Amino acid sequence: MMDARVPTALELAANVFNAASIVLAARNSLHTWWTGIVGCALFAVVFVGARLYADFTLQIFFIGACIVGWWTWARGSGGVERPVTHATRQSFAAFSIAACAAAAGYAWLLHRFTNSVSPIPDSLVLTFSVLGQLLLVRRQYESWWCWLVVNTIAVPLYASRGLWLTAALYIVFWINGLVALRSWRRLVASN
């Protein structure tokens, strides 16, 4: 098991690539996707070592979503870049409720069948990250609200596992989410 007090080179590299990916996403850059793939692959290994199995599962999902996001953003619709839009209130509410329900179910599975140390917050990070990523792939403004929820939960979760560098990065991600909300609000208004 990795030393939880000192960031490993692997955790450092995962943080660097994911930081680049998140900053690039906030700036609406296509390069968010390849940096995300690398960062997620590295984080998958880190989270297994920290016994955060929902976060491991999430990294596998993120790798696939990054591939789809890269293709979607590059190709858009009919070869035209996809614009930033809003999700409908009804769909965003329904998806948020579904994310909470899925988190409850996944937390139960983790509690029942693994030695997970924090099944509920770990599962909430998983399900709201999935929702946020799906909205991000579609370039929908509300993705940033999901990321704010994720980051709010993730900071104390990662700190509790001694992943101090990752917890600090998620504080930066939280600030980046606020900046992205403002930036993407302007992008929606310009469409």
C-alpha atoms as a PDB file:
ATOM      1  CA  MET A   1       0.000   0.000   0.000  1.00  0.00           C
ATOM      2  CA  MET A   2       1.270   3.477  -0.812  1.00  0.00           C
ATOM      3  CA  ASP A   3       2.412   5.920   1.874  1.00  0.00           C
ATOM      4  CA  ALA A   4      -0.619   8.172   2.400  1.00  0.00           C
ATOM      5  CA  ARG A   5       1.417  11.035   3.903  1.00  0.00           C
ATOM      6  CA  VAL A   6       3.814  11.773   1.052  1.00  0.00           C
ATOM      7  CA  PRO A   7       2.543  12.242  -2.498  1.00  0.00           C
ATOM      8  CA  THR A   8       4.004   9.630  -4.798  1.00  0.00           C
ATOM      9  CA  ALA A   9       5.416  10.458  -8.220  1.00  0.00           C
ATOM     10  CA  LEU A  10       2.334   8.718  -9.626  1.00  0.00           C
ATOM     11  CA  GLU A  11      -0.065  10.930  -7.654  1.00  0.00           C
ATOM     12  CA  LEU A  12       1.921  14.010  -8.674  1.00  0.00           C
ATOM     13  CA  ALA A  13       1.813  13.072 -12.370  1.00  0.00           C
ATOM     14  CA  ALA A  14      -1.925  12.285 -12.173  1.00  0.00           C
ATOM     15  CA  ASN A  15      -2.555  15.667 -10.586  1.00  0.00           C
ATOM     16  CA  VAL A  16      -0.509  17.541 -13.192  1.00  0.00           C
ATOM     17  CA  PHE A  17      -2.305  15.950 -16.139  1.00  0.00           C
ATOM     18  CA  ASN A  18      -5.765  16.298 -14.564  1.00  0.00           C
ATOM     19  CA  ALA A  19      -5.093  19.921 -13.627  1.00  0.00           C
ATOM     20  CA  ALA A  20      -4.148  20.657 -17.216  1.00  0.00           C
ATOM     21  CA  SER A  21      -7.269  18.866 -18.439  1.00  0.00           C
ATOM     22  CA  ILE A  22      -9.640  20.762 -16.132  1.00  0.00           C
ATOM     23  CA  VAL A  23      -8.124  24.162 -16.896  1.00  0.00           C
ATOM     24  CA  LEU A  24      -8.312  23.390 -20.615  1.00  0.00           C
ATOM     25  CA  ALA A  25     -11.976  22.333 -20.252  1.00  0.00           C
ATOM     26  CA  ALA A  26     -12.823  25.619 -18.552  1.00  0.00           C
ATOM     27  CA  ARG A  27     -11.177  27.384 -21.488  1.00  0.00           C
ATOM     28  CA  ASN A  28     -13.228  25.308 -23.930  1.00  0.00           C
ATOM     29  CA  SER A  29     -10.068  23.733 -25.419  1.00  0.00           C
ATOM     30  CA  LEU A  30     -10.001  20.479 -27.355  1.00  0.00           C
ATOM     31  CA  HIS A  31      -6.737  19.538 -25.596  1.00  0.00           C
ATOM     32  CA  THR A  32      -8.730  18.859 -22.419  1.00  0.00           C
ATOM     33  CA  TRP A  33      -9.448  15.360 -23.694  1.00  0.00           C
ATOM     34  CA  TRP A  34      -6.010  13.818 -24.306  1.00  0.00           C
ATOM     35  CA  THR A  35      -4.607  15.293 -21.099  1.00  0.00           C
ATOM     36  CA  GLY A  36      -7.644  13.874 -19.312  1.00  0.00           C
ATOM     37  CA  ILE A  37      -7.014  10.382 -20.664  1.00  0.00           C
ATOM     38  CA  VAL A  38      -3.455  10.372 -19.342  1.00  0.00           C
ATOM     39  CA  GLY A  39      -4.435  11.848 -15.956  1.00  0.00           C
ATOM     40  CA  CYS A  40      -7.313   9.411 -15.483  1.00  0.00           C
ATOM     41  CA  ALA A  41      -5.174   6.390 -16.274  1.00  0.00           C
ATOM     42  CA  LEU A  42      -2.678   7.504 -13.641  1.00  0.00           C
ATOM     43  CA  PHE A  43      -5.399   8.278 -11.090  1.00  0.00           C
ATOM     44  CA  ALA A  44      -6.939   4.822 -11.577  1.00  0.00           C
ATOM     45  CA  VAL A  45      -3.800   3.302 -10.101  1.00  0.00           C
ATOM     46  CA  VAL A  46      -3.641   5.886  -7.276  1.00  0.00           C
ATOM     47  CA  PHE A  47      -7.251   5.284  -6.216  1.00  0.00           C
ATOM     48  CA  VAL A  48      -6.908   1.501  -6.082  1.00  0.00           C
ATOM     49  CA  GLY A  49      -3.999   2.005  -3.695  1.00  0.00           C
ATOM     50  CA  ALA A  50      -6.155   4.314  -1.551  1.00  0.00           C
ATOM     51  CA  ARG A  51      -9.088   1.826  -1.524  1.00  0.00           C
ATOM     52  CA  LEU A  52     -11.382   4.340  -3.228  1.00  0.00           C
ATOM     53  CA  TYR A  53     -12.967   1.856  -5.606  1.00  0.00           C
ATOM     54  CA  ALA A  54     -15.765   4.079  -6.908  1.00  0.00           C
ATOM     55  CA  ASP A  55     -13.105   6.615  -7.851  1.00  0.00           C
ATOM     56  CA  PHE A  56     -11.187   3.855  -9.656  1.00  0.00           C
ATOM     57  CA  THR A  57     -14.357   2.941 -11.570  1.00  0.00           C
ATOM     58  CA  LEU A  58     -14.852   6.607 -12.332  1.00  0.00           C
ATOM     59  CA  GLN A  59     -11.412   6.878 -13.933  1.00  0.00           C
ATOM     60  CA  ILE A  60     -12.243   4.021 -16.307  1.00  0.00           C
ATOM     61  CA  PHE A  61     -15.479   5.813 -17.226  1.00  0.00           C
ATOM     62  CA  PHE A  62     -13.573   9.089 -17.679  1.00  0.00           C
ATOM     63  CA  ILE A  63     -11.126   7.508 -20.112  1.00  0.00           C
ATOM     64  CA  GLY A  64     -14.013   6.358 -22.304  1.00  0.00           C
ATOM     65  CA  ALA A  65     -15.808   9.689 -21.928  1.00  0.00           C
ATOM     66  CA  CYS A  66     -12.637  11.548 -22.870  1.00  0.00           C
ATOM     67  CA  ILE A  67     -12.400   9.557 -26.084  1.00  0.00           C
ATOM     68  CA  VAL A  68     -16.038  10.351 -26.912  1.00  0.00           C
ATOM     69  CA  GLY A  69     -15.615  13.992 -25.829  1.00  0.00           C
ATOM     70  CA  TRP A  70     -12.530  14.415 -27.994  1.00  0.00           C
ATOM     71  CA  TRP A  71     -14.363  13.054 -31.003  1.00  0.00           C
ATOM     72  CA  THR A  72     -17.563  15.027 -30.264  1.00  0.00           C
ATOM     73  CA  TRP A  73     -15.821  18.362 -29.732  1.00  0.00           C
ATOM     74  CA  ALA A  74     -13.559  17.892 -32.754  1.00  0.00           C
ATOM     75  CA  ARG A  75     -16.306  16.749 -35.100  1.00  0.00           C
ATOM     76  CA  GLY A  76     -19.355  18.465 -33.655  1.00  0.00           C
ATOM     77  CA  SER A  77     -22.569  18.167 -35.564  1.00  0.00           C
ATOM     78  CA  GLY A  78     -22.181  17.908 -39.299  1.00  0.00           C
ATOM     79  CA  GLY A  79     -18.523  18.923 -39.025  1.00  0.00           C
ATOM     80  CA  VAL A  80     -19.402  22.143 -37.168  1.00  0.00           C
ATOM     81  CA  GLU A  81     -18.067  22.690 -33.643  1.00  0.00           C
ATOM     82  CA  ARG A  82     -20.736  22.039 -31.028  1.00  0.00           C
ATOM     83  CA  PRO A  83     -21.825  25.262 -29.248  1.00  0.00           C
ATOM     84  CA  VAL A  84     -22.131  25.651 -25.479  1.00  0.00           C
ATOM     85  CA  THR A  85     -25.811  25.331 -24.472  1.00  0.00           C
ATOM     86  CA  HIS A  86     -28.025  24.890 -21.415  1.00  0.00           C
ATOM     87  CA  ALA A  87     -29.558  21.611 -20.301  1.00  0.00           C
ATOM     88  CA  THR A  88     -33.274  21.926 -19.645  1.00  0.00           C
ATOM     89  CA  ARG A  89     -34.229  22.381 -15.994  1.00  0.00           C
ATOM     90  CA  GLN A  90     -36.347  19.249 -16.099  1.00  0.00           C
ATOM     91  CA  SER A  91     -33.587  17.073 -17.536  1.00  0.00           C
ATOM     92  CA  PHE A  92     -30.950  18.477 -15.178  1.00  0.00           C
ATOM     93  CA  ALA A  93     -33.225  17.868 -12.164  1.00  0.00           C
ATOM     94  CA  ALA A  94     -34.073  14.346 -13.322  1.00  0.00           C
ATOM     95  CA  PHE A  95     -30.426  13.487 -13.949  1.00  0.00           C
ATOM     96  CA  SER A  96     -29.428  14.906 -10.542  1.00  0.00           C
ATOM     97  CA  ILE A  97     -32.051  12.759  -8.803  1.00  0.00           C
ATOM     98  CA  ALA A  98     -30.854   9.740 -10.787  1.00  0.00           C
ATOM     99  CA  ALA A  99     -27.252  10.492  -9.742  1.00  0.00           C
ATOM    100  CA  CYS A 100     -28.296  10.525  -6.063  1.00  0.00           C
ATOM    101  CA  ALA A 101     -30.181   7.246  -6.438  1.00  0.00           C
ATOM    102  CA  ALA A 102     -27.285   5.615  -8.270  1.00  0.00           C
ATOM    103  CA  ALA A 103     -24.901   6.839  -5.556  1.00  0.00           C
ATOM    104  CA  ALA A 104     -27.064   5.225  -2.873  1.00  0.00           C
ATOM    105  CA  GLY A 105     -27.056   1.918  -4.724  1.00  0.00           C
ATOM    106  CA  TYR A 106     -23.351   1.977  -5.453  1.00  0.00           C
ATOM    107  CA  ALA A 107     -22.539   2.953  -1.856  1.00  0.00           C
ATOM    108  CA  TRP A 108     -24.530  -0.050  -0.641  1.00  0.00           C
ATOM    109  CA  LEU A 109     -22.573  -2.328  -2.998  1.00  0.00           C
ATOM    110  CA  LEU A 110     -19.261  -0.901  -1.824  1.00  0.00           C
ATOM    111  CA  HIS A 111     -20.272  -1.238   1.821  1.00  0.00           C
ATOM    112  CA  ARG A 112     -21.526  -4.773   1.376  1.00  0.00           C
ATOM    113  CA  PHE A 113     -18.865  -6.257  -0.908  1.00  0.00           C
ATOM    114  CA  THR A 114     -15.613  -4.298  -0.469  1.00  0.00           C
ATOM    115  CA  ASN A 115     -13.372  -2.831   2.194  1.00  0.00           C
ATOM    116  CA  SER A 116     -14.158   0.687   0.950  1.00  0.00           C
ATOM    117  CA  VAL A 117     -13.394   3.297   3.584  1.00  0.00           C
ATOM    118  CA  SER A 118     -15.951   5.920   2.482  1.00  0.00           C
ATOM    119  CA  PRO A 119     -18.645   4.352   0.320  1.00  0.00           C
ATOM    120  CA  ILE A 120     -21.173   7.225   0.393  1.00  0.00           C
ATOM    121  CA  PRO A 121     -18.928  10.177  -0.482  1.00  0.00           C
ATOM    122  CA  ASP A 122     -16.926   7.979  -2.874  1.00  0.00           C
ATOM    123  CA  SER A 123     -20.150   7.027  -4.674  1.00  0.00           C
ATOM    124  CA  LEU A 124     -21.403  10.619  -4.799  1.00  0.00           C
ATOM    125  CA  VAL A 125     -18.125  11.684  -6.403  1.00  0.00           C
ATOM    126  CA  LEU A 126     -18.612   8.878  -8.925  1.00  0.00           C
ATOM    127  CA  THR A 127     -22.197   9.604  -9.916  1.00  0.00           C
ATOM    128  CA  PHE A 128     -21.997  13.395 -10.039  1.00  0.00           C
ATOM    129  CA  SER A 129     -18.737  13.145 -11.960  1.00  0.00           C
ATOM    130  CA  VAL A 130     -20.453  10.912 -14.508  1.00  0.00           C
ATOM    131  CA  LEU A 131     -23.270  13.441 -14.818  1.00  0.00           C
ATOM    132  CA  GLY A 132     -20.816  16.330 -15.047  1.00  0.00           C
ATOM    133  CA  GLN A 133     -18.759  14.536 -17.690  1.00  0.00           C
ATOM    134  CA  LEU A 134     -21.800  13.669 -19.799  1.00  0.00           C
ATOM    135  CA  LEU A 135     -22.905  17.304 -19.712  1.00  0.00           C
ATOM    136  CA  LEU A 136     -19.354  18.463 -20.478  1.00  0.00           C
ATOM    137  CA  VAL A 137     -19.145  16.185 -23.518  1.00  0.00           C
ATOM    138  CA  ARG A 138     -22.365  17.821 -24.733  1.00  0.00           C
ATOM    139  CA  ARG A 139     -20.875  21.251 -23.900  1.00  0.00           C
ATOM    140  CA  GLN A 140     -23.700  22.057 -21.511  1.00  0.00           C
ATOM    141  CA  TYR A 141     -23.210  24.860 -19.006  1.00  0.00           C
ATOM    142  CA  GLU A 142     -24.695  22.903 -16.090  1.00  0.00           C
ATOM    143  CA  SER A 143     -21.723  20.536 -16.130  1.00  0.00           C
ATOM    144  CA  TRP A 144     -19.888  23.096 -13.998  1.00  0.00           C
ATOM    145  CA  TRP A 145     -22.534  22.918 -11.256  1.00  0.00           C
ATOM    146  CA  CYS A 146     -21.909  19.175 -11.092  1.00  0.00           C
ATOM    147  CA  TRP A 147     -18.166  19.743 -10.836  1.00  0.00           C
ATOM    148  CA  LEU A 148     -18.686  22.143  -7.940  1.00  0.00           C
ATOM    149  CA  VAL A 149     -20.649  19.428  -6.093  1.00  0.00           C
ATOM    150  CA  VAL A 150     -17.978  16.838  -6.885  1.00  0.00           C
ATOM    151  CA  ASN A 151     -15.132  19.069  -5.751  1.00  0.00           C
ATOM    152  CA  THR A 152     -16.916  20.005  -2.523  1.00  0.00           C
ATOM    153  CA  ILE A 153     -17.232  16.307  -1.614  1.00  0.00           C
ATOM    154  CA  ALA A 154     -13.856  15.216  -3.005  1.00  0.00           C
ATOM    155  CA  VAL A 155     -11.658  17.604  -0.997  1.00  0.00           C
ATOM    156  CA  PRO A 156     -12.440  16.126   2.445  1.00  0.00           C
ATOM    157  CA  LEU A 157     -12.674  12.589   1.000  1.00  0.00           C
ATOM    158  CA  TYR A 158      -9.179  12.693  -0.478  1.00  0.00           C
ATOM    159  CA  ALA A 159      -7.778  14.456   2.579  1.00  0.00           C
ATOM    160  CA  SER A 160      -9.207  11.673   4.768  1.00  0.00           C
ATOM    161  CA  ARG A 161      -7.148   9.158   2.763  1.00  0.00           C
ATOM    162  CA  GLY A 162      -3.952  11.197   3.048  1.00  0.00           C
ATOM    163  CA  LEU A 163      -4.071  12.243  -0.602  1.00  0.00           C
ATOM    164  CA  TRP A 164      -3.190  15.818   0.357  1.00  0.00           C
ATOM    165  CA  LEU A 165      -1.908  16.846  -3.060  1.00  0.00           C
ATOM    166  CA  THR A 166      -5.067  15.563  -4.712  1.00  0.00           C
ATOM    167  CA  ALA A 167      -7.245  17.292  -2.096  1.00  0.00           C
ATOM    168  CA  ALA A 168      -5.377  20.555  -2.738  1.00  0.00           C
ATOM    169  CA  LEU A 169      -5.840  20.125  -6.477  1.00  0.00           C
ATOM    170  CA  TYR A 170      -9.580  19.679  -5.980  1.00  0.00           C
ATOM    171  CA  ILE A 171      -9.670  22.990  -4.117  1.00  0.00           C
ATOM    172  CA  VAL A 172      -8.123  24.530  -7.232  1.00  0.00           C
ATOM    173  CA  PHE A 173     -10.695  22.637  -9.333  1.00  0.00           C
ATOM    174  CA  TRP A 174     -13.452  24.151  -7.200  1.00  0.00           C
ATOM    175  CA  ILE A 175     -12.160  27.658  -7.936  1.00  0.00           C
ATOM    176  CA  ASN A 176     -11.763  26.719 -11.606  1.00  0.00           C
ATOM    177  CA  GLY A 177     -15.413  25.582 -11.607  1.00  0.00           C
ATOM    178  CA  LEU A 178     -16.512  29.041 -10.470  1.00  0.00           C
ATOM    179  CA  VAL A 179     -14.410  30.662 -13.191  1.00  0.00           C
ATOM    180  CA  ALA A 180     -15.796  28.220 -15.767  1.00  0.00           C
ATOM    181  CA  LEU A 181     -19.389  29.000 -14.751  1.00  0.00           C
ATOM    182  CA  ARG A 182     -18.774  32.643 -15.584  1.00  0.00           C
ATOM    183  CA  SER A 183     -16.866  31.917 -18.782  1.00  0.00           C
ATOM    184  CA  TRP A 184     -19.366  29.379 -20.102  1.00  0.00           C
ATOM    185  CA  ARG A 185     -22.289  31.670 -19.182  1.00  0.00           C
ATOM    186  CA  ARG A 186     -20.831  34.165 -21.685  1.00  0.00           C
ATOM    187  CA  LEU A 187     -20.409  31.396 -24.281  1.00  0.00           C
ATOM    188  CA  VAL A 188     -24.088  30.406 -23.913  1.00  0.00           C
ATOM    189  CA  ALA A 189     -25.170  34.033 -24.210  1.00  0.00           C
ATOM    190  CA  SER A 190     -23.161  34.441 -27.411  1.00  0.00           C
ATOM    191  CA  ASN A 191     -24.890  31.492 -29.128  1.00  0.00           C
END
